[in-house]
Amino acid sequence: MRLTPGATTDPPLILIATPLDQQINPLSQRWPSARAMLFIGTPNQTRELNAQMLEALYGITRAETRVARDLIEGYDIEEISERNRVSRNTIRTQIRQLLRKTDTRRQAELVKLLITLPLTMKP
């Protein structure tokens, strides 16, 4: 959902609601009944992936975070396997896990999710 703050010249905001997995819910100590998280951000922020938040929200491993980072930067499977010194099959498996954990179906959908979630990016 896109929201327009204040003036029409302001950039639109991105609003994303995501369910929280109770097994890995980072908010369960403070808000045990929390079932979803709402993210609001601007689409034109360039930031670095926040691995800890991705792990807490989706159960994404550090290796999967590296693959996600490389996908966001535009690398293909061959380049990602070389950068991470693992086989192409390992990268394909990690991409499948990323898609499953984030409930996305295509790499483009995954990348869009990752770059628009404000709390998954470090300023």
PDB file of N, CA and C in Angstrom:
ATOM      1  N   MET A   1       0.850  -1.160   0.000  1.00  0.00           N
ATOM      2  CA  MET A   1       0.000   0.000   0.000  1.00  0.00           C
ATOM      3  C   MET A   1       0.899   1.226   0.000  1.00  0.00           C
ATOM      4  N   ARG A   2       0.574   2.216  -0.817  1.00  0.00           N
ATOM      5  CA  ARG A   2       1.338   3.464  -0.841  1.00  0.00           C
ATOM      6  C   ARG A   2       0.513   4.552  -0.174  1.00  0.00           C
ATOM      7  N   LEU A   3       1.149   5.283   0.697  1.00  0.00           N
ATOM      8  CA  LEU A   3       0.519   6.405   1.377  1.00  0.00           C
ATOM      9  C   LEU A   3       1.259   7.670   1.002  1.00  0.00           C
ATOM     10  N   THR A   4       0.563   8.764   0.887  1.00  0.00           N
ATOM     11  CA  THR A   4       1.212  10.033   0.590  1.00  0.00           C
ATOM     12  C   THR A   4       1.163  10.892   1.836  1.00  0.00           C
ATOM     13  N   PRO A   5       2.324  11.173   2.446  1.00  0.00           N
ATOM     14  CA  PRO A   5       2.337  12.031   3.618  1.00  0.00           C
ATOM     15  C   PRO A   5       2.079  13.476   3.220  1.00  0.00           C
ATOM     16  N   GLY A   6       1.516  14.269   4.057  1.00  0.00           N
ATOM     17  CA  GLY A   6       1.330  15.706   3.877  1.00  0.00           C
ATOM     18  C   GLY A   6       1.134  16.199   2.462  1.00  0.00           C
ATOM     19  N   ALA A   7       2.095  16.981   1.994  1.00  0.00           N
ATOM     20  CA  ALA A   7       2.006  17.648   0.695  1.00  0.00           C
ATOM     21  C   ALA A   7       2.124  16.637  -0.455  1.00  0.00           C
ATOM     22  N   THR A   8       1.557  17.009  -1.583  1.00  0.00           N
ATOM     23  CA  THR A   8       1.592  16.134  -2.752  1.00  0.00           C
ATOM     24  C   THR A   8       3.000  16.016  -3.327  1.00  0.00           C
ATOM     25  N   THR A   9       3.925  16.909  -2.934  1.00  0.00           N
ATOM     26  CA  THR A   9       5.302  16.818  -3.414  1.00  0.00           C
ATOM     27  C   THR A   9       6.135  15.849  -2.587  1.00  0.00           C
ATOM     28  N   ASP A  10       5.603  15.429  -1.419  1.00  0.00           N
ATOM     29  CA  ASP A  10       6.317  14.448  -0.598  1.00  0.00           C
ATOM     30  C   ASP A  10       6.298  13.098  -1.307  1.00  0.00           C
ATOM     31  N   PRO A  11       7.399  12.334  -1.168  1.00  0.00           N
ATOM     32  CA  PRO A  11       7.388  11.002  -1.783  1.00  0.00           C
ATOM     33  C   PRO A  11       6.376  10.111  -1.074  1.00  0.00           C
ATOM     34  N   PRO A  12       5.815   9.142  -1.786  1.00  0.00           N
ATOM     35  CA  PRO A  12       4.853   8.241  -1.143  1.00  0.00           C
ATOM     36  C   PRO A  12       5.557   7.367  -0.106  1.00  0.00           C
ATOM     37  N   LEU A  13       4.807   6.917   0.861  1.00  0.00           N
ATOM     38  CA  LEU A  13       5.330   5.990   1.856  1.00  0.00           C
ATOM     39  C   LEU A  13       4.906   4.576   1.480  1.00  0.00           C
ATOM     40  N   ILE A  14       5.696   3.624   1.888  1.00  0.00           N
ATOM     41  CA  ILE A  14       5.371   2.221   1.690  1.00  0.00           C
ATOM     42  C   ILE A  14       4.872   1.677   3.025  1.00  0.00           C
ATOM     43  N   LEU A  15       3.743   1.002   3.009  1.00  0.00           N
ATOM     44  CA  LEU A  15       3.166   0.393   4.201  1.00  0.00           C
ATOM     45  C   LEU A  15       3.093  -1.113   3.961  1.00  0.00           C
ATOM     46  N   ILE A  16       3.748  -1.869   4.834  1.00  0.00           N
ATOM     47  CA  ILE A  16       3.764  -3.317   4.698  1.00  0.00           C
ATOM     48  C   ILE A  16       3.394  -3.935   6.037  1.00  0.00           C
ATOM     49  N   ALA A  17       2.440  -4.858   6.012  1.00  0.00           N
ATOM     50  CA  ALA A  17       2.078  -5.622   7.201  1.00  0.00           C
ATOM     51  C   ALA A  17       2.565  -7.047   6.984  1.00  0.00           C
ATOM     52  N   THR A  18       3.233  -7.600   7.966  1.00  0.00           N
ATOM     53  CA  THR A  18       3.734  -8.956   7.850  1.00  0.00           C
ATOM     54  C   THR A  18       3.380  -9.745   9.107  1.00  0.00           C
ATOM     55  N   PRO A  19       2.949 -10.995   8.952  1.00  0.00           N
ATOM     56  CA  PRO A  19       2.647 -11.802  10.138  1.00  0.00           C
ATOM     57  C   PRO A  19       3.930 -12.135  10.884  1.00  0.00           C
ATOM     58  N   LEU A  20       3.826 -12.312  12.188  1.00  0.00           N
ATOM     59  CA  LEU A  20       4.970 -12.696  13.003  1.00  0.00           C
ATOM     60  C   LEU A  20       4.874 -14.175  13.344  1.00  0.00           C
ATOM     61  N   ASP A  21       5.955 -14.857  13.145  1.00  0.00           N
ATOM     62  CA  ASP A  21       6.037 -16.263  13.525  1.00  0.00           C
ATOM     63  C   ASP A  21       6.284 -16.302  15.030  1.00  0.00           C
ATOM     64  N   GLN A  22       5.396 -16.887  15.783  1.00  0.00           N
ATOM     65  CA  GLN A  22       5.502 -16.900  17.237  1.00  0.00           C
ATOM     66  C   GLN A  22       6.754 -17.625  17.726  1.00  0.00           C
ATOM     67  N   GLN A  23       7.300 -18.525  16.923  1.00  0.00           N
ATOM     68  CA  GLN A  23       8.512 -19.247  17.300  1.00  0.00           C
ATOM     69  C   GLN A  23       9.725 -18.319  17.318  1.00  0.00           C
ATOM     70  N   ILE A  24       9.752 -17.339  16.425  1.00  0.00           N
ATOM     71  CA  ILE A  24      10.923 -16.468  16.299  1.00  0.00           C
ATOM     72  C   ILE A  24      10.561 -15.005  16.484  1.00  0.00           C
ATOM     73  N   ASN A  25       9.423 -14.731  17.090  1.00  0.00           N
ATOM     74  CA  ASN A  25       8.925 -13.375  17.267  1.00  0.00           C
ATOM     75  C   ASN A  25       9.841 -12.574  18.193  1.00  0.00           C
ATOM     76  N   PRO A  26      10.511 -11.524  17.684  1.00  0.00           N
ATOM     77  CA  PRO A  26      11.398 -10.731  18.535  1.00  0.00           C
ATOM     78  C   PRO A  26      10.627  -9.909  19.560  1.00  0.00           C
ATOM     79  N   LEU A  27       9.335  -9.785  19.396  1.00  0.00           N
ATOM     80  CA  LEU A  27       8.523  -8.976  20.302  1.00  0.00           C
ATOM     81  C   LEU A  27       7.821  -9.802  21.359  1.00  0.00           C
ATOM     82  N   SER A  28       8.012 -11.116  21.348  1.00  0.00           N
ATOM     83  CA  SER A  28       7.215 -11.989  22.210  1.00  0.00           C
ATOM     84  C   SER A  28       7.429 -11.724  23.693  1.00  0.00           C
ATOM     85  N   GLN A  29       8.596 -11.259  24.085  1.00  0.00           N
ATOM     86  CA  GLN A  29       8.827 -10.950  25.492  1.00  0.00           C
ATOM     87  C   GLN A  29       7.988  -9.761  25.946  1.00  0.00           C
ATOM     88  N   ARG A  30       7.990  -8.722  25.132  1.00  0.00           N
ATOM     89  CA  ARG A  30       7.287  -7.492  25.506  1.00  0.00           C
ATOM     90  C   ARG A  30       5.799  -7.530  25.174  1.00  0.00           C
ATOM     91  N   TRP A  31       5.478  -8.068  23.988  1.00  0.00           N
ATOM     92  CA  TRP A  31       4.092  -8.142  23.526  1.00  0.00           C
ATOM     93  C   TRP A  31       3.799  -9.572  23.074  1.00  0.00           C
ATOM     94  N   PRO A  32       3.507 -10.465  23.992  1.00  0.00           N
ATOM     95  CA  PRO A  32       3.322 -11.868  23.622  1.00  0.00           C
ATOM     96  C   PRO A  32       2.138 -12.123  22.692  1.00  0.00           C
ATOM     97  N   SER A  33       1.199 -11.215  22.640  1.00  0.00           N
ATOM     98  CA  SER A  33       0.045 -11.431  21.765  1.00  0.00           C
ATOM     99  C   SER A  33       0.236 -10.816  20.374  1.00  0.00           C
ATOM    100  N   ALA A  34       1.406 -10.224  20.104  1.00  0.00           N
ATOM    101  CA  ALA A  34       1.662  -9.616  18.788  1.00  0.00           C
ATOM    102  C   ALA A  34       1.611 -10.688  17.705  1.00  0.00           C
ATOM    103  N   ARG A  35       0.849 -10.450  16.675  1.00  0.00           N
ATOM    104  CA  ARG A  35       0.696 -11.417  15.581  1.00  0.00           C
ATOM    105  C   ARG A  35       1.163 -10.861  14.242  1.00  0.00           C
ATOM    106  N   ALA A  36       1.342  -9.551  14.170  1.00  0.00           N
ATOM    107  CA  ALA A  36       1.770  -8.932  12.915  1.00  0.00           C
ATOM    108  C   ALA A  36       2.617  -7.705  13.228  1.00  0.00           C
ATOM    109  N   MET A  37       3.418  -7.315  12.248  1.00  0.00           N
ATOM    110  CA  MET A  37       4.231  -6.117  12.384  1.00  0.00           C
ATOM    111  C   MET A  37       3.933  -5.215  11.192  1.00  0.00           C
ATOM    112  N   LEU A  38       3.829  -3.943  11.444  1.00  0.00           N
ATOM    113  CA  LEU A  38       3.539  -2.962  10.416  1.00  0.00           C
ATOM    114  C   LEU A  38       4.795  -2.133  10.175  1.00  0.00           C
ATOM    115  N   PHE A  39       5.210  -2.035   8.926  1.00  0.00           N
ATOM    116  CA  PHE A  39       6.391  -1.269   8.546  1.00  0.00           C
ATOM    117  C   PHE A  39       5.954  -0.092   7.692  1.00  0.00           C
ATOM    118  N   ILE A  40       6.509   1.067   7.981  1.00  0.00           N
ATOM    119  CA  ILE A  40       6.248   2.252   7.174  1.00  0.00           C
ATOM    120  C   ILE A  40       7.607   2.835   6.799  1.00  0.00           C
ATOM    121  N   GLY A  41       7.802   3.093   5.529  1.00  0.00           N
ATOM    122  CA  GLY A  41       9.072   3.633   5.084  1.00  0.00           C
ATOM    123  C   GLY A  41       8.940   4.335   3.750  1.00  0.00           C
ATOM    124  N   THR A  42      10.050   4.918   3.309  1.00  0.00           N
ATOM    125  CA  THR A  42      10.074   5.567   2.003  1.00  0.00           C
ATOM    126  C   THR A  42      10.811   4.656   1.029  1.00  0.00           C
ATOM    127  N   PRO A  43      10.359   4.591  -0.211  1.00  0.00           N
ATOM    128  CA  PRO A  43      10.952   3.656  -1.166  1.00  0.00           C
ATOM    129  C   PRO A  43      12.324   4.062  -1.679  1.00  0.00           C
ATOM    130  N   ASN A  44      12.746   5.310  -1.475  1.00  0.00           N
ATOM    131  CA  ASN A  44      14.003   5.746  -2.072  1.00  0.00           C
ATOM    132  C   ASN A  44      15.147   5.818  -1.062  1.00  0.00           C
ATOM    133  N   GLN A  45      15.085   5.032  -0.008  1.00  0.00           N
ATOM    134  CA  GLN A  45      16.185   4.963   0.935  1.00  0.00           C
ATOM    135  C   GLN A  45      17.144   3.871   0.483  1.00  0.00           C
ATOM    136  N   THR A  46      18.437   4.179   0.439  1.00  0.00           N
ATOM    137  CA  THR A  46      19.444   3.188   0.103  1.00  0.00           C
ATOM    138  C   THR A  46      20.144   2.809   1.394  1.00  0.00           C
ATOM    139  N   ARG A  47      20.036   1.549   1.753  1.00  0.00           N
ATOM    140  CA  ARG A  47      20.591   1.103   3.015  1.00  0.00           C
ATOM    141  C   ARG A  47      21.146  -0.298   2.895  1.00  0.00           C
ATOM    142  N   GLU A  48      21.797  -0.731   3.964  1.00  0.00           N
ATOM    143  CA  GLU A  48      22.389  -2.064   4.025  1.00  0.00           C
ATOM    144  C   GLU A  48      21.444  -3.009   4.771  1.00  0.00           C
ATOM    145  N   LEU A  49      21.393  -4.258   4.366  1.00  0.00           N
ATOM    146  CA  LEU A  49      20.525  -5.230   5.032  1.00  0.00           C
ATOM    147  C   LEU A  49      20.868  -5.357   6.518  1.00  0.00           C
ATOM    148  N   ASN A  50      19.852  -5.435   7.347  1.00  0.00           N
ATOM    149  CA  ASN A  50      20.010  -5.653   8.777  1.00  0.00           C
ATOM    150  C   ASN A  50      19.792  -7.144   9.040  1.00  0.00           C
ATOM    151  N   ALA A  51      20.892  -7.884   9.111  1.00  0.00           N
ATOM    152  CA  ALA A  51      20.834  -9.340   9.245  1.00  0.00           C
ATOM    153  C   ALA A  51      20.112  -9.766  10.518  1.00  0.00           C
ATOM    154  N   GLN A  52      20.346  -9.080  11.610  1.00  0.00           N
ATOM    155  CA  GLN A  52      19.717  -9.463  12.882  1.00  0.00           C
ATOM    156  C   GLN A  52      18.203  -9.342  12.817  1.00  0.00           C
ATOM    157  N   MET A  53      17.700  -8.300  12.182  1.00  0.00           N
ATOM    158  CA  MET A  53      16.256  -8.131  12.085  1.00  0.00           C
ATOM    159  C   MET A  53      15.653  -9.190  11.153  1.00  0.00           C
ATOM    160  N   LEU A  54      16.341  -9.482  10.059  1.00  0.00           N
ATOM    161  CA  LEU A  54      15.853 -10.529   9.161  1.00  0.00           C
ATOM    162  C   LEU A  54      15.805 -11.884   9.865  1.00  0.00           C
ATOM    163  N   GLU A  55      16.821 -12.152  10.670  1.00  0.00           N
ATOM    164  CA  GLU A  55      16.840 -13.403  11.426  1.00  0.00           C
ATOM    165  C   GLU A  55      15.680 -13.449  12.414  1.00  0.00           C
ATOM    166  N   ALA A  56      15.438 -12.329  13.090  1.00  0.00           N
ATOM    167  CA  ALA A  56      14.375 -12.286  14.098  1.00  0.00           C
ATOM    168  C   ALA A  56      12.988 -12.380  13.464  1.00  0.00           C
ATOM    169  N   LEU A  57      12.773 -11.696  12.357  1.00  0.00           N
ATOM    170  CA  LEU A  57      11.455 -11.681  11.727  1.00  0.00           C
ATOM    171  C   LEU A  57      11.137 -12.957  10.965  1.00  0.00           C
ATOM    172  N   TYR A  58      12.108 -13.457  10.211  1.00  0.00           N
ATOM    173  CA  TYR A  58      11.837 -14.550   9.284  1.00  0.00           C
ATOM    174  C   TYR A  58      12.632 -15.826   9.550  1.00  0.00           C
ATOM    175  N   GLY A  59      13.545 -15.798  10.506  1.00  0.00           N
ATOM    176  CA  GLY A  59      14.375 -16.972  10.741  1.00  0.00           C
ATOM    177  C   GLY A  59      15.406 -17.179   9.646  1.00  0.00           C
ATOM    178  N   ILE A  60      15.802 -16.116   8.992  1.00  0.00           N
ATOM    179  CA  ILE A  60      16.771 -16.176   7.898  1.00  0.00           C
ATOM    180  C   ILE A  60      18.175 -16.290   8.485  1.00  0.00           C
ATOM    181  N   THR A  61      18.948 -17.241   7.984  1.00  0.00           N
ATOM    182  CA  THR A  61      20.308 -17.456   8.475  1.00  0.00           C
ATOM    183  C   THR A  61      21.256 -16.388   7.929  1.00  0.00           C
ATOM    184  N   ARG A  62      22.435 -16.330   8.499  1.00  0.00           N
ATOM    185  CA  ARG A  62      23.440 -15.367   8.013  1.00  0.00           C
ATOM    186  C   ARG A  62      23.815 -15.667   6.561  1.00  0.00           C
ATOM    187  N   ALA A  63      23.944 -16.947   6.231  1.00  0.00           N
ATOM    188  CA  ALA A  63      24.276 -17.314   4.848  1.00  0.00           C
ATOM    189  C   ALA A  63      23.169 -16.877   3.901  1.00  0.00           C
ATOM    190  N   GLU A  64      21.919 -17.073   4.297  1.00  0.00           N
ATOM    191  CA  GLU A  64      20.790 -16.637   3.465  1.00  0.00           C
ATOM    192  C   GLU A  64      20.758 -15.118   3.355  1.00  0.00           C
ATOM    193  N   THR A  65      21.156 -14.428   4.424  1.00  0.00           N
ATOM    194  CA  THR A  65      21.216 -12.964   4.379  1.00  0.00           C
ATOM    195  C   THR A  65      22.251 -12.507   3.360  1.00  0.00           C
ATOM    196  N   ARG A  66      23.393 -13.194   3.305  1.00  0.00           N
ATOM    197  CA  ARG A  66      24.414 -12.843   2.305  1.00  0.00           C
ATOM    198  C   ARG A  66      23.870 -13.028   0.888  1.00  0.00           C
ATOM    199  N   VAL A  67      23.133 -14.110   0.661  1.00  0.00           N
ATOM    200  CA  VAL A  67      22.534 -14.349  -0.653  1.00  0.00           C
ATOM    201  C   VAL A  67      21.511 -13.259  -0.956  1.00  0.00           C
ATOM    202  N   ALA A  68      20.684 -12.914   0.028  1.00  0.00           N
ATOM    203  CA  ALA A  68      19.684 -11.849  -0.165  1.00  0.00           C
ATOM    204  C   ALA A  68      20.366 -10.535  -0.526  1.00  0.00           C
ATOM    205  N   ARG A  69      21.443 -10.215   0.175  1.00  0.00           N
ATOM    206  CA  ARG A  69      22.205  -8.991  -0.116  1.00  0.00           C
ATOM    207  C   ARG A  69      22.707  -9.003  -1.558  1.00  0.00           C
ATOM    208  N   ASP A  70      23.249 -10.139  -1.982  1.00  0.00           N
ATOM    209  CA  ASP A  70      23.770 -10.237  -3.342  1.00  0.00           C
ATOM    210  C   ASP A  70      22.653 -10.131  -4.386  1.00  0.00           C
ATOM    211  N   LEU A  71      21.490 -10.708  -4.094  1.00  0.00           N
ATOM    212  CA  LEU A  71      20.349 -10.565  -5.012  1.00  0.00           C
ATOM    213  C   LEU A  71      19.941  -9.104  -5.135  1.00  0.00           C
ATOM    214  N   ILE A  72      19.895  -8.405  -4.013  1.00  0.00           N
ATOM    215  CA  ILE A  72      19.529  -6.982  -4.024  1.00  0.00           C
ATOM    216  C   ILE A  72      20.523  -6.177  -4.848  1.00  0.00           C
ATOM    217  N   GLU A  73      21.800  -6.569  -4.771  1.00  0.00           N
ATOM    218  CA  GLU A  73      22.841  -5.857  -5.520  1.00  0.00           C
ATOM    219  C   GLU A  73      22.875  -6.247  -6.993  1.00  0.00           C
ATOM    220  N   GLY A  74      22.022  -7.211  -7.403  1.00  0.00           N
ATOM    221  CA  GLY A  74      21.892  -7.538  -8.817  1.00  0.00           C
ATOM    222  C   GLY A  74      22.743  -8.687  -9.313  1.00  0.00           C
ATOM    223  N   TYR A  75      23.385  -9.423  -8.415  1.00  0.00           N
ATOM    224  CA  TYR A  75      24.207 -10.554  -8.843  1.00  0.00           C
ATOM    225  C   TYR A  75      23.331 -11.740  -9.225  1.00  0.00           C
ATOM    226  N   ASP A  76      23.802 -12.547 -10.196  1.00  0.00           N
ATOM    227  CA  ASP A  76      23.073 -13.758 -10.571  1.00  0.00           C
ATOM    228  C   ASP A  76      23.607 -14.936  -9.753  1.00  0.00           C
ATOM    229  N   ILE A  77      23.011 -16.104  -9.940  1.00  0.00           N
ATOM    230  CA  ILE A  77      23.360 -17.279  -9.137  1.00  0.00           C
ATOM    231  C   ILE A  77      24.840 -17.633  -9.274  1.00  0.00           C
ATOM    232  N   GLU A  78      25.347 -17.603 -10.478  1.00  0.00           N
ATOM    233  CA  GLU A  78      26.763 -17.917 -10.708  1.00  0.00           C
ATOM    234  C   GLU A  78      27.666 -16.958  -9.926  1.00  0.00           C
ATOM    235  N   GLU A  79      27.393 -15.671 -10.035  1.00  0.00           N
ATOM    236  CA  GLU A  79      28.206 -14.670  -9.334  1.00  0.00           C
ATOM    237  C   GLU A  79      28.083 -14.807  -7.815  1.00  0.00           C
ATOM    238  N   ILE A  80      26.874 -15.092  -7.341  1.00  0.00           N
ATOM    239  CA  ILE A  80      26.667 -15.253  -5.899  1.00  0.00           C
ATOM    240  C   ILE A  80      27.431 -16.471  -5.393  1.00  0.00           C
ATOM    241  N   SER A  81      27.433 -17.553  -6.160  1.00  0.00           N
ATOM    242  CA  SER A  81      28.163 -18.754  -5.732  1.00  0.00           C
ATOM    243  C   SER A  81      29.667 -18.483  -5.672  1.00  0.00           C
ATOM    244  N   GLU A  82      30.179 -17.714  -6.616  1.00  0.00           N
ATOM    245  CA  GLU A  82      31.599 -17.361  -6.610  1.00  0.00           C
ATOM    246  C   GLU A  82      31.927 -16.437  -5.435  1.00  0.00           C
ATOM    247  N   ARG A  83      31.070 -15.439  -5.210  1.00  0.00           N
ATOM    248  CA  ARG A  83      31.305 -14.483  -4.109  1.00  0.00           C
ATOM    249  C   ARG A  83      31.281 -15.160  -2.747  1.00  0.00           C
ATOM    250  N   ASN A  84      30.422 -16.162  -2.606  1.00  0.00           N
ATOM    251  CA  ASN A  84      30.260 -16.826  -1.312  1.00  0.00           C
ATOM    252  C   ASN A  84      31.029 -18.143  -1.215  1.00  0.00           C
ATOM    253  N   ARG A  85      31.711 -18.499  -2.314  1.00  0.00           N
ATOM    254  CA  ARG A  85      32.535 -19.711  -2.372  1.00  0.00           C
ATOM    255  C   ARG A  85      31.752 -20.979  -2.017  1.00  0.00           C
ATOM    256  N   VAL A  86      30.560 -21.073  -2.598  1.00  0.00           N
ATOM    257  CA  VAL A  86      29.728 -22.272  -2.446  1.00  0.00           C
ATOM    258  C   VAL A  86      29.183 -22.637  -3.824  1.00  0.00           C
ATOM    259  N   SER A  87      28.605 -23.812  -3.929  1.00  0.00           N
ATOM    260  CA  SER A  87      28.103 -24.268  -5.229  1.00  0.00           C
ATOM    261  C   SER A  87      26.824 -23.530  -5.634  1.00  0.00           C
ATOM    262  N   ARG A  88      26.546 -23.580  -6.925  1.00  0.00           N
ATOM    263  CA  ARG A  88      25.299 -22.992  -7.435  1.00  0.00           C
ATOM    264  C   ARG A  88      24.087 -23.672  -6.803  1.00  0.00           C
ATOM    265  N   ASN A  89      24.181 -24.991  -6.594  1.00  0.00           N
ATOM    266  CA  ASN A  89      23.071 -25.713  -5.970  1.00  0.00           C
ATOM    267  C   ASN A  89      22.800 -25.205  -4.552  1.00  0.00           C
ATOM    268  N   THR A  90      23.861 -24.903  -3.813  1.00  0.00           N
ATOM    269  CA  THR A  90      23.688 -24.343  -2.471  1.00  0.00           C
ATOM    270  C   THR A  90      22.972 -23.001  -2.541  1.00  0.00           C
ATOM    271  N   ILE A  91      23.365 -22.168  -3.492  1.00  0.00           N
ATOM    272  CA  ILE A  91      22.722 -20.855  -3.646  1.00  0.00           C
ATOM    273  C   ILE A  91      21.259 -21.035  -4.020  1.00  0.00           C
ATOM    274  N   ARG A  92      20.969 -21.948  -4.942  1.00  0.00           N
ATOM    275  CA  ARG A  92      19.569 -22.205  -5.311  1.00  0.00           C
ATOM    276  C   ARG A  92      18.753 -22.648  -4.093  1.00  0.00           C
ATOM    277  N   THR A  93      19.332 -23.515  -3.276  1.00  0.00           N
ATOM    278  CA  THR A  93      18.654 -23.972  -2.061  1.00  0.00           C
ATOM    279  C   THR A  93      18.414 -22.804  -1.113  1.00  0.00           C
ATOM    280  N   GLN A  94      19.397 -21.950  -0.949  1.00  0.00           N
ATOM    281  CA  GLN A  94      19.245 -20.799  -0.055  1.00  0.00           C
ATOM    282  C   GLN A  94      18.193 -19.821  -0.584  1.00  0.00           C
ATOM    283  N   ILE A  95      18.124 -19.652  -1.885  1.00  0.00           N
ATOM    284  CA  ILE A  95      17.088 -18.784  -2.467  1.00  0.00           C
ATOM    285  C   ILE A  95      15.709 -19.397  -2.222  1.00  0.00           C
ATOM    286  N   ARG A  96      15.586 -20.709  -2.412  1.00  0.00           N
ATOM    287  CA  ARG A  96      14.296 -21.374  -2.123  1.00  0.00           C
ATOM    288  C   ARG A  96      13.903 -21.179  -0.658  1.00  0.00           C
ATOM    289  N   GLN A  97      14.872 -21.282   0.233  1.00  0.00           N
ATOM    290  CA  GLN A  97      14.587 -21.067   1.661  1.00  0.00           C
ATOM    291  C   GLN A  97      14.163 -19.623   1.940  1.00  0.00           C
ATOM    292  N   LEU A  98      14.814 -18.674   1.295  1.00  0.00           N
ATOM    293  CA  LEU A  98      14.433 -17.266   1.444  1.00  0.00           C
ATOM    294  C   LEU A  98      12.994 -17.040   0.975  1.00  0.00           C
ATOM    295  N   LEU A  99      12.660 -17.624  -0.166  1.00  0.00           N
ATOM    296  CA  LEU A  99      11.302 -17.484  -0.694  1.00  0.00           C
ATOM    297  C   LEU A  99      10.285 -18.104   0.266  1.00  0.00           C
ATOM    298  N   ARG A 100      10.596 -19.283   0.770  1.00  0.00           N
ATOM    299  CA  ARG A 100       9.681 -19.963   1.691  1.00  0.00           C
ATOM    300  C   ARG A 100       9.519 -19.167   2.994  1.00  0.00           C
ATOM    301  N   LYS A 101      10.623 -18.736   3.562  1.00  0.00           N
ATOM    302  CA  LYS A 101      10.578 -18.044   4.848  1.00  0.00           C
ATOM    303  C   LYS A 101       9.889 -16.687   4.767  1.00  0.00           C
ATOM    304  N   THR A 102       9.985 -16.026   3.628  1.00  0.00           N
ATOM    305  CA  THR A 102       9.365 -14.705   3.467  1.00  0.00           C
ATOM    306  C   THR A 102       8.002 -14.786   2.798  1.00  0.00           C
ATOM    307  N   ASP A 103       7.572 -15.989   2.471  1.00  0.00           N
ATOM    308  CA  ASP A 103       6.287 -16.214   1.807  1.00  0.00           C
ATOM    309  C   ASP A 103       6.190 -15.437   0.496  1.00  0.00           C
ATOM    310  N   THR A 104       7.288 -15.448  -0.247  1.00  0.00           N
ATOM    311  CA  THR A 104       7.307 -14.839  -1.577  1.00  0.00           C
ATOM    312  C   THR A 104       7.462 -15.966  -2.596  1.00  0.00           C
ATOM    313  N   ARG A 105       7.130 -15.675  -3.848  1.00  0.00           N
ATOM    314  CA  ARG A 105       7.147 -16.727  -4.851  1.00  0.00           C
ATOM    315  C   ARG A 105       8.202 -16.540  -5.938  1.00  0.00           C
ATOM    316  N   ARG A 106       8.661 -15.312  -6.113  1.00  0.00           N
ATOM    317  CA  ARG A 106       9.657 -15.026  -7.155  1.00  0.00           C
ATOM    318  C   ARG A 106      10.793 -14.205  -6.549  1.00  0.00           C
ATOM    319  N   GLN A 107      11.960 -14.299  -7.174  1.00  0.00           N
ATOM    320  CA  GLN A 107      13.102 -13.523  -6.686  1.00  0.00           C
ATOM    321  C   GLN A 107      12.807 -12.032  -6.699  1.00  0.00           C
ATOM    322  N   ALA A 108      12.129 -11.551  -7.722  1.00  0.00           N
ATOM    323  CA  ALA A 108      11.813 -10.129  -7.805  1.00  0.00           C
ATOM    324  C   ALA A 108      10.921  -9.702  -6.636  1.00  0.00           C
ATOM    325  N   GLU A 109       9.974 -10.553  -6.295  1.00  0.00           N
ATOM    326  CA  GLU A 109       9.079 -10.263  -5.161  1.00  0.00           C
ATOM    327  C   GLU A 109       9.874 -10.249  -3.848  1.00  0.00           C
ATOM    328  N   LEU A 110      10.814 -11.181  -3.702  1.00  0.00           N
ATOM    329  CA  LEU A 110      11.675 -11.225  -2.524  1.00  0.00           C
ATOM    330  C   LEU A 110      12.505  -9.955  -2.415  1.00  0.00           C
ATOM    331  N   VAL A 111      13.146  -9.562  -3.495  1.00  0.00           N
ATOM    332  CA  VAL A 111      13.989  -8.357  -3.490  1.00  0.00           C
ATOM    333  C   VAL A 111      13.159  -7.132  -3.147  1.00  0.00           C
ATOM    334  N   LYS A 112      11.982  -7.020  -3.742  1.00  0.00           N
ATOM    335  CA  LYS A 112      11.112  -5.880  -3.446  1.00  0.00           C
ATOM    336  C   LYS A 112      10.762  -5.839  -1.960  1.00  0.00           C
ATOM    337  N   LEU A 113      10.418  -6.986  -1.402  1.00  0.00           N
ATOM    338  CA  LEU A 113      10.105  -7.052   0.020  1.00  0.00           C
ATOM    339  C   LEU A 113      11.291  -6.591   0.853  1.00  0.00           C
ATOM    340  N   LEU A 114      12.473  -7.110   0.555  1.00  0.00           N
ATOM    341  CA  LEU A 114      13.650  -6.802   1.355  1.00  0.00           C
ATOM    342  C   LEU A 114      14.059  -5.332   1.283  1.00  0.00           C
ATOM    343  N   ILE A 115      13.913  -4.723   0.123  1.00  0.00           N
ATOM    344  CA  ILE A 115      14.347  -3.325   0.015  1.00  0.00           C
ATOM    345  C   ILE A 115      13.293  -2.340   0.497  1.00  0.00           C
ATOM    346  N   THR A 116      12.065  -2.804   0.700  1.00  0.00           N
ATOM    347  CA  THR A 116      11.028  -1.876   1.172  1.00  0.00           C
ATOM    348  C   THR A 116      10.695  -2.029   2.644  1.00  0.00           C
ATOM    349  N   LEU A 117      11.153  -3.103   3.295  1.00  0.00           N
ATOM    350  CA  LEU A 117      10.890  -3.238   4.729  1.00  0.00           C
ATOM    351  C   LEU A 117      11.856  -2.325   5.482  1.00  0.00           C
ATOM    352  N   PRO A 118      11.371  -1.263   6.100  1.00  0.00           N
ATOM    353  CA  PRO A 118      12.263  -0.322   6.768  1.00  0.00           C
ATOM    354  C   PRO A 118      13.149  -0.952   7.834  1.00  0.00           C
ATOM    355  N   LEU A 119      12.631  -1.863   8.621  1.00  0.00           N
ATOM    356  CA  LEU A 119      13.429  -2.426   9.695  1.00  0.00           C
ATOM    357  C   LEU A 119      14.391  -3.511   9.254  1.00  0.00           C
ATOM    358  N   THR A 120      14.342  -3.905   7.978  1.00  0.00           N
ATOM    359  CA  THR A 120      15.309  -4.892   7.518  1.00  0.00           C
ATOM    360  C   THR A 120      16.530  -4.201   6.921  1.00  0.00           C
ATOM    361  N   MET A 121      16.527  -2.902   6.924  1.00  0.00           N
ATOM    362  CA  MET A 121      17.637  -2.161   6.366  1.00  0.00           C
ATOM    363  C   MET A 121      18.273  -1.300   7.442  1.00  0.00           C
ATOM    364  N   LYS A 122      19.599  -1.176   7.427  1.00  0.00           N
ATOM    365  CA  LYS A 122      20.290  -0.265   8.328  1.00  0.00           C
ATOM    366  C   LYS A 122      20.430   1.070   7.615  1.00  0.00           C
ATOM    367  N   PRO A 123      20.210   2.182   8.311  1.00  0.00           N
ATOM    368  CA  PRO A 123      20.364   3.503   7.673  1.00  0.00           C
ATOM    369  C   PRO A 123      21.793   3.738   7.226  1.00  0.00           C
TER     370      PRO A 123
END
